[in-house]
Amino acid sequence: MGRLDNIVARNKRGGRFNERTGTMILVGMFLLVIIALAAFTDLGQPPADDGPPVPVPHEKSIHVPLGGKPRPATGAH
């Protein structure tokens, strides 16, 4: 009966705080913080549209095709 007594004694000590419970509480708190930030701040929204973008002037504009060197000009067909 010693083995059965050990099982009964272990089940009577229920309600212990173990590592798994602590991890689940931390993950739940993290998710609540993320939901609160998304709900009460502008973190979940796209950036505001302030109008058309202002072009930046460049002194030189270099257009090189993706293939590397530009092809030499050929005669008109």
PDB file of N, CA and C in Angstrom:
ATOM      1  N   MET A   1       0.814  -1.199   0.000  1.00  0.00           N
ATOM      2  CA  MET A   1       0.000   0.000   0.000  1.00  0.00           C
ATOM      3  C   MET A   1       0.860   1.266   0.000  1.00  0.00           C
ATOM      4  N   GLY A   2       2.150   1.128   0.074  1.00  0.00           N
ATOM      5  CA  GLY A   2       3.013   2.302   0.128  1.00  0.00           C
ATOM      6  C   GLY A   2       2.928   3.136  -1.148  1.00  0.00           C
ATOM      7  N   ARG A   3       2.820   2.459  -2.275  1.00  0.00           N
ATOM      8  CA  ARG A   3       2.760   3.196  -3.536  1.00  0.00           C
ATOM      9  C   ARG A   3       1.450   3.958  -3.652  1.00  0.00           C
ATOM     10  N   LEU A   4       0.355   3.362  -3.276  1.00  0.00           N
ATOM     11  CA  LEU A   4      -0.950   4.020  -3.316  1.00  0.00           C
ATOM     12  C   LEU A   4      -0.983   5.193  -2.342  1.00  0.00           C
ATOM     13  N   ASP A   5      -0.357   5.046  -1.179  1.00  0.00           N
ATOM     14  CA  ASP A   5      -0.303   6.152  -0.221  1.00  0.00           C
ATOM     15  C   ASP A   5       0.477   7.333  -0.787  1.00  0.00           C
ATOM     16  N   ASN A   6       1.545   7.051  -1.527  1.00  0.00           N
ATOM     17  CA  ASN A   6       2.314   8.133  -2.145  1.00  0.00           C
ATOM     18  C   ASN A   6       1.486   8.881  -3.186  1.00  0.00           C
ATOM     19  N   ILE A   7       0.708   8.157  -3.967  1.00  0.00           N
ATOM     20  CA  ILE A   7      -0.131   8.791  -4.991  1.00  0.00           C
ATOM     21  C   ILE A   7      -1.195   9.659  -4.344  1.00  0.00           C
ATOM     22  N   VAL A   8      -1.823   9.151  -3.306  1.00  0.00           N
ATOM     23  CA  VAL A   8      -2.867   9.916  -2.610  1.00  0.00           C
ATOM     24  C   VAL A   8      -2.274  11.157  -1.960  1.00  0.00           C
ATOM     25  N   ALA A   9      -1.105  11.048  -1.356  1.00  0.00           N
ATOM     26  CA  ALA A   9      -0.465  12.194  -0.710  1.00  0.00           C
ATOM     27  C   ALA A   9      -0.073  13.247  -1.744  1.00  0.00           C
ATOM     28  N   ARG A  10       0.400  12.816  -2.890  1.00  0.00           N
ATOM     29  CA  ARG A  10       0.790  13.759  -3.935  1.00  0.00           C
ATOM     30  C   ARG A  10      -0.427  14.508  -4.474  1.00  0.00           C
ATOM     31  N   ASN A  11      -1.555  13.831  -4.614  1.00  0.00           N
ATOM     32  CA  ASN A  11      -2.757  14.472  -5.129  1.00  0.00           C
ATOM     33  C   ASN A  11      -3.399  15.406  -4.110  1.00  0.00           C
ATOM     34  N   LYS A  12      -3.165  15.201  -2.829  1.00  0.00           N
ATOM     35  CA  LYS A  12      -3.712  16.092  -1.810  1.00  0.00           C
ATOM     36  C   LYS A  12      -2.990  17.430  -1.794  1.00  0.00           C
ATOM     37  N   ARG A  13      -1.737  17.473  -2.257  1.00  0.00           N
ATOM     38  CA  ARG A  13      -0.961  18.709  -2.259  1.00  0.00           C
ATOM     39  C   ARG A  13      -1.172  19.501  -3.545  1.00  0.00           C
ATOM     40  N   GLY A  14      -2.312  19.423  -4.168  1.00  0.00           N
ATOM     41  CA  GLY A  14      -2.574  20.101  -5.430  1.00  0.00           C
ATOM     42  C   GLY A  14      -2.522  21.616  -5.272  1.00  0.00           C
ATOM     43  N   GLY A  15      -2.547  22.307  -6.396  1.00  0.00           N
ATOM     44  CA  GLY A  15      -2.548  23.759  -6.381  1.00  0.00           C
ATOM     45  C   GLY A  15      -1.178  24.379  -6.233  1.00  0.00           C
ATOM     46  N   ARG A  16      -0.154  23.637  -6.549  1.00  0.00           N
ATOM     47  CA  ARG A  16       1.198  24.193  -6.450  1.00  0.00           C
ATOM     48  C   ARG A  16       1.492  25.086  -7.645  1.00  0.00           C
ATOM     49  N   PHE A  17       2.303  26.088  -7.425  1.00  0.00           N
ATOM     50  CA  PHE A  17       2.766  26.976  -8.495  1.00  0.00           C
ATOM     51  C   PHE A  17       4.041  26.377  -9.053  1.00  0.00           C
ATOM     52  N   ASN A  18       4.000  25.950 -10.317  1.00  0.00           N
ATOM     53  CA  ASN A  18       5.196  25.342 -10.897  1.00  0.00           C
ATOM     54  C   ASN A  18       5.719  26.187 -12.057  1.00  0.00           C
ATOM     55  N   GLU A  19       6.765  25.730 -12.684  1.00  0.00           N
ATOM     56  CA  GLU A  19       7.434  26.488 -13.742  1.00  0.00           C
ATOM     57  C   GLU A  19       6.528  26.695 -14.952  1.00  0.00           C
ATOM     58  N   ARG A  20       5.744  25.707 -15.280  1.00  0.00           N
ATOM     59  CA  ARG A  20       4.860  25.812 -16.445  1.00  0.00           C
ATOM     60  C   ARG A  20       3.796  26.888 -16.218  1.00  0.00           C
ATOM     61  N   THR A  21       3.258  26.962 -15.026  1.00  0.00           N
ATOM     62  CA  THR A  21       2.252  27.974 -14.715  1.00  0.00           C
ATOM     63  C   THR A  21       2.869  29.372 -14.806  1.00  0.00           C
ATOM     64  N   GLY A  22       4.055  29.532 -14.298  1.00  0.00           N
ATOM     65  CA  GLY A  22       4.733  30.822 -14.374  1.00  0.00           C
ATOM     66  C   GLY A  22       4.995  31.250 -15.803  1.00  0.00           C
ATOM     67  N   THR A  23       5.401  30.310 -16.643  1.00  0.00           N
ATOM     68  CA  THR A  23       5.653  30.612 -18.045  1.00  0.00           C
ATOM     69  C   THR A  23       4.360  31.013 -18.742  1.00  0.00           C
ATOM     70  N   MET A  24       3.279  30.321 -18.457  1.00  0.00           N
ATOM     71  CA  MET A  24       1.999  30.646 -19.074  1.00  0.00           C
ATOM     72  C   MET A  24       1.517  32.032 -18.641  1.00  0.00           C
ATOM     73  N   ILE A  25       1.746  32.399 -17.399  1.00  0.00           N
ATOM     74  CA  ILE A  25       1.356  33.727 -16.920  1.00  0.00           C
ATOM     75  C   ILE A  25       2.171  34.803 -17.618  1.00  0.00           C
ATOM     76  N   LEU A  26       3.468  34.600 -17.775  1.00  0.00           N
ATOM     77  CA  LEU A  26       4.319  35.583 -18.454  1.00  0.00           C
ATOM     78  C   LEU A  26       3.937  35.752 -19.916  1.00  0.00           C
ATOM     79  N   VAL A  27       3.656  34.666 -20.608  1.00  0.00           N
ATOM     80  CA  VAL A  27       3.256  34.751 -22.007  1.00  0.00           C
ATOM     81  C   VAL A  27       1.916  35.471 -22.129  1.00  0.00           C
ATOM     82  N   GLY A  28       0.984  35.178 -21.234  1.00  0.00           N
ATOM     83  CA  GLY A  28      -0.312  35.857 -21.239  1.00  0.00           C
ATOM     84  C   GLY A  28      -0.180  37.349 -20.991  1.00  0.00           C
ATOM     85  N   MET A  29       0.679  37.738 -20.060  1.00  0.00           N
ATOM     86  CA  MET A  29       0.901  39.160 -19.786  1.00  0.00           C
ATOM     87  C   MET A  29       1.533  39.847 -20.990  1.00  0.00           C
ATOM     88  N   PHE A  30       2.465  39.176 -21.653  1.00  0.00           N
ATOM     89  CA  PHE A  30       3.098  39.736 -22.845  1.00  0.00           C
ATOM     90  C   PHE A  30       2.062  39.969 -23.939  1.00  0.00           C
ATOM     91  N   LEU A  31       1.177  39.001 -24.146  1.00  0.00           N
ATOM     92  CA  LEU A  31       0.138  39.156 -25.162  1.00  0.00           C
ATOM     93  C   LEU A  31      -0.822  40.288 -24.808  1.00  0.00           C
ATOM     94  N   LEU A  32      -1.160  40.440 -23.541  1.00  0.00           N
ATOM     95  CA  LEU A  32      -2.034  41.533 -23.135  1.00  0.00           C
ATOM     96  C   LEU A  32      -1.383  42.889 -23.369  1.00  0.00           C
ATOM     97  N   VAL A  33      -0.086  42.992 -23.130  1.00  0.00           N
ATOM     98  CA  VAL A  33       0.622  44.253 -23.382  1.00  0.00           C
ATOM     99  C   VAL A  33       0.613  44.569 -24.877  1.00  0.00           C
ATOM    100  N   ILE A  34       0.850  43.581 -25.718  1.00  0.00           N
ATOM    101  CA  ILE A  34       0.843  43.786 -27.170  1.00  0.00           C
ATOM    102  C   ILE A  34      -0.543  44.226 -27.635  1.00  0.00           C
ATOM    103  N   ILE A  35      -1.592  43.589 -27.143  1.00  0.00           N
ATOM    104  CA  ILE A  35      -2.952  43.964 -27.530  1.00  0.00           C
ATOM    105  C   ILE A  35      -3.273  45.374 -27.055  1.00  0.00           C
ATOM    106  N   ALA A  36      -2.857  45.728 -25.849  1.00  0.00           N
ATOM    107  CA  ALA A  36      -3.108  47.071 -25.333  1.00  0.00           C
ATOM    108  C   ALA A  36      -2.360  48.121 -26.162  1.00  0.00           C
ATOM    109  N   LEU A  37      -1.125  47.852 -26.540  1.00  0.00           N
ATOM    110  CA  LEU A  37      -0.379  48.792 -27.375  1.00  0.00           C
ATOM    111  C   LEU A  37      -1.034  48.969 -28.737  1.00  0.00           C
ATOM    112  N   ALA A  38      -1.525  47.891 -29.312  1.00  0.00           N
ATOM    113  CA  ALA A  38      -2.174  47.981 -30.616  1.00  0.00           C
ATOM    114  C   ALA A  38      -3.502  48.725 -30.522  1.00  0.00           C
ATOM    115  N   ALA A  39      -4.204  48.589 -29.398  1.00  0.00           N
ATOM    116  CA  ALA A  39      -5.521  49.207 -29.262  1.00  0.00           C
ATOM    117  C   ALA A  39      -5.434  50.678 -28.880  1.00  0.00           C
ATOM    118  N   PHE A  40      -4.507  51.058 -28.029  1.00  0.00           N
ATOM    119  CA  PHE A  40      -4.499  52.406 -27.474  1.00  0.00           C
ATOM    120  C   PHE A  40      -3.396  53.305 -28.023  1.00  0.00           C
ATOM    121  N   THR A  41      -2.610  52.832 -28.961  1.00  0.00           N
ATOM    122  CA  THR A  41      -1.580  53.665 -29.578  1.00  0.00           C
ATOM    123  C   THR A  41      -1.715  53.556 -31.090  1.00  0.00           C
ATOM    124  N   ASP A  42      -0.870  54.260 -31.816  1.00  0.00           N
ATOM    125  CA  ASP A  42      -0.912  54.190 -33.272  1.00  0.00           C
ATOM    126  C   ASP A  42       0.107  53.197 -33.829  1.00  0.00           C
ATOM    127  N   LEU A  43       0.566  52.260 -33.026  1.00  0.00           N
ATOM    128  CA  LEU A  43       1.564  51.293 -33.489  1.00  0.00           C
ATOM    129  C   LEU A  43       1.010  50.333 -34.527  1.00  0.00           C
ATOM    130  N   GLY A  44      -0.304  50.067 -34.493  1.00  0.00           N
ATOM    131  CA  GLY A  44      -0.886  49.121 -35.430  1.00  0.00           C
ATOM    132  C   GLY A  44      -1.397  49.765 -36.698  1.00  0.00           C
ATOM    133  N   GLN A  45      -1.172  51.066 -36.905  1.00  0.00           N
ATOM    134  CA  GLN A  45      -1.701  51.771 -38.061  1.00  0.00           C
ATOM    135  C   GLN A  45      -0.577  52.110 -39.025  1.00  0.00           C
ATOM    136  N   PRO A  46      -0.917  52.200 -40.329  1.00  0.00           N
ATOM    137  CA  PRO A  46       0.106  52.613 -41.292  1.00  0.00           C
ATOM    138  C   PRO A  46       0.454  54.082 -41.079  1.00  0.00           C
ATOM    139  N   PRO A  47       1.611  54.523 -41.553  1.00  0.00           N
ATOM    140  CA  PRO A  47       2.000  55.921 -41.361  1.00  0.00           C
ATOM    141  C   PRO A  47       1.017  56.857 -42.046  1.00  0.00           C
ATOM    142  N   ALA A  48       0.837  58.046 -41.470  1.00  0.00           N
ATOM    143  CA  ALA A  48      -0.089  59.027 -42.012  1.00  0.00           C
ATOM    144  C   ALA A  48       0.418  59.541 -43.357  1.00  0.00           C
ATOM    145  N   ASP A  49      -0.513  59.769 -44.270  1.00  0.00           N
ATOM    146  CA  ASP A  49      -0.168  60.288 -45.588  1.00  0.00           C
ATOM    147  C   ASP A  49      -0.176  61.809 -45.525  1.00  0.00           C
ATOM    148  N   ASP A  50       1.001  62.424 -45.599  1.00  0.00           N
ATOM    149  CA  ASP A  50       1.127  63.875 -45.503  1.00  0.00           C
ATOM    150  C   ASP A  50       1.135  64.547 -46.868  1.00  0.00           C
ATOM    151  N   GLY A  51       0.765  63.872 -47.900  1.00  0.00           N
ATOM    152  CA  GLY A  51       0.769  64.435 -49.244  1.00  0.00           C
ATOM    153  C   GLY A  51       1.783  63.722 -50.108  1.00  0.00           C
ATOM    154  N   PRO A  52       1.978  64.249 -51.323  1.00  0.00           N
ATOM    155  CA  PRO A  52       2.932  63.588 -52.218  1.00  0.00           C
ATOM    156  C   PRO A  52       4.358  63.759 -51.713  1.00  0.00           C
ATOM    157  N   PRO A  53       5.197  62.788 -51.986  1.00  0.00           N
ATOM    158  CA  PRO A  53       6.593  62.904 -51.538  1.00  0.00           C
ATOM    159  C   PRO A  53       7.316  64.010 -52.296  1.00  0.00           C
ATOM    160  N   VAL A  54       8.203  64.655 -51.607  1.00  0.00           N
ATOM    161  CA  VAL A  54       8.988  65.732 -52.207  1.00  0.00           C
ATOM    162  C   VAL A  54      10.197  65.115 -52.895  1.00  0.00           C
ATOM    163  N   PRO A  55      10.365  65.376 -54.215  1.00  0.00           N
ATOM    164  CA  PRO A  55      11.529  64.791 -54.894  1.00  0.00           C
ATOM    165  C   PRO A  55      12.820  65.438 -54.411  1.00  0.00           C
ATOM    166  N   VAL A  56      13.850  64.615 -54.295  1.00  0.00           N
ATOM    167  CA  VAL A  56      15.163  65.095 -53.870  1.00  0.00           C
ATOM    168  C   VAL A  56      15.980  65.390 -55.124  1.00  0.00           C
ATOM    169  N   PRO A  57      16.475  66.629 -55.269  1.00  0.00           N
ATOM    170  CA  PRO A  57      17.252  66.927 -56.479  1.00  0.00           C
ATOM    171  C   PRO A  57      18.606  66.222 -56.440  1.00  0.00           C
ATOM    172  N   HIS A  58      18.972  65.646 -57.573  1.00  0.00           N
ATOM    173  CA  HIS A  58      20.256  64.970 -57.712  1.00  0.00           C
ATOM    174  C   HIS A  58      21.094  65.746 -58.718  1.00  0.00           C
ATOM    175  N   GLU A  59      22.369  65.804 -58.502  1.00  0.00           N
ATOM    176  CA  GLU A  59      23.238  66.476 -59.462  1.00  0.00           C
ATOM    177  C   GLU A  59      23.401  65.640 -60.720  1.00  0.00           C
ATOM    178  N   LYS A  60      23.550  64.355 -60.560  1.00  0.00           N
ATOM    179  CA  LYS A  60      23.693  63.459 -61.702  1.00  0.00           C
ATOM    180  C   LYS A  60      22.742  62.299 -61.518  1.00  0.00           C
ATOM    181  N   SER A  61      22.154  61.872 -62.591  1.00  0.00           N
ATOM    182  CA  SER A  61      21.277  60.724 -62.555  1.00  0.00           C
ATOM    183  C   SER A  61      21.895  59.638 -63.423  1.00  0.00           C
ATOM    184  N   ILE A  62      22.204  58.525 -62.820  1.00  0.00           N
ATOM    185  CA  ILE A  62      22.845  57.434 -63.536  1.00  0.00           C
ATOM    186  C   ILE A  62      21.833  56.312 -63.691  1.00  0.00           C
ATOM    187  N   HIS A  63      21.545  55.966 -64.938  1.00  0.00           N
ATOM    188  CA  HIS A  63      20.618  54.876 -65.212  1.00  0.00           C
ATOM    189  C   HIS A  63      21.385  53.770 -65.909  1.00  0.00           C
ATOM    190  N   VAL A  64      21.676  52.713 -65.192  1.00  0.00           N
ATOM    191  CA  VAL A  64      22.397  51.581 -65.743  1.00  0.00           C
ATOM    192  C   VAL A  64      21.438  50.405 -65.769  1.00  0.00           C
ATOM    193  N   PRO A  65      21.293  49.738 -66.904  1.00  0.00           N
ATOM    194  CA  PRO A  65      20.409  48.571 -66.924  1.00  0.00           C
ATOM    195  C   PRO A  65      20.925  47.483 -65.990  1.00  0.00           C
ATOM    196  N   LEU A  66      20.037  46.588 -65.607  1.00  0.00           N
ATOM    197  CA  LEU A  66      20.394  45.545 -64.652  1.00  0.00           C
ATOM    198  C   LEU A  66      21.448  44.589 -65.190  1.00  0.00           C
ATOM    199  N   GLY A  67      21.609  44.532 -66.497  1.00  0.00           N
ATOM    200  CA  GLY A  67      22.558  43.602 -67.098  1.00  0.00           C
ATOM    201  C   GLY A  67      24.000  44.044 -66.998  1.00  0.00           C
ATOM    202  N   GLY A  68      24.289  45.228 -66.544  1.00  0.00           N
ATOM    203  CA  GLY A  68      25.671  45.676 -66.450  1.00  0.00           C
ATOM    204  C   GLY A  68      25.919  46.848 -67.369  1.00  0.00           C
ATOM    205  N   LYS A  69      26.781  46.650 -68.366  1.00  0.00           N
ATOM    206  CA  LYS A  69      27.139  47.732 -69.285  1.00  0.00           C
ATOM    207  C   LYS A  69      25.970  48.030 -70.233  1.00  0.00           C
ATOM    208  N   PRO A  70      25.791  49.312 -70.566  1.00  0.00           N
ATOM    209  CA  PRO A  70      24.749  49.625 -71.549  1.00  0.00           C
ATOM    210  C   PRO A  70      25.152  49.136 -72.942  1.00  0.00           C
ATOM    211  N   ARG A  71      24.180  48.771 -73.751  1.00  0.00           N
ATOM    212  CA  ARG A  71      24.453  48.303 -75.112  1.00  0.00           C
ATOM    213  C   ARG A  71      24.784  49.490 -76.005  1.00  0.00           C
ATOM    214  N   PRO A  72      25.638  49.269 -76.982  1.00  0.00           N
ATOM    215  CA  PRO A  72      25.905  50.361 -77.924  1.00  0.00           C
ATOM    216  C   PRO A  72      24.668  50.609 -78.792  1.00  0.00           C
ATOM    217  N   ALA A  73      24.487  51.867 -79.178  1.00  0.00           N
ATOM    218  CA  ALA A  73      23.338  52.228 -79.992  1.00  0.00           C
ATOM    219  C   ALA A  73      23.481  51.591 -81.366  1.00  0.00           C
ATOM    220  N   THR A  74      22.408  51.034 -81.882  1.00  0.00           N
ATOM    221  CA  THR A  74      22.409  50.431 -83.218  1.00  0.00           C
ATOM    222  C   THR A  74      21.661  51.352 -84.156  1.00  0.00           C
ATOM    223  N   GLY A  75      21.817  51.155 -85.438  1.00  0.00           N
ATOM    224  CA  GLY A  75      21.156  51.976 -86.446  1.00  0.00           C
ATOM    225  C   GLY A  75      19.654  51.736 -86.441  1.00  0.00           C
ATOM    226  N   ALA A  76      18.920  52.696 -86.978  1.00  0.00           N
ATOM    227  CA  ALA A  76      17.451  52.582 -87.052  1.00  0.00           C
ATOM    228  C   ALA A  76      17.075  51.504 -88.060  1.00  0.00           C
ATOM    229  N   HIS A  77      16.044  50.795 -87.813  1.00  0.00           N
ATOM    230  CA  HIS A  77      15.613  49.712 -88.696  1.00  0.00           C
ATOM    231  C   HIS A  77      14.698  50.227 -89.711  1.00  0.00           C
TER     232      HIS A  77
END
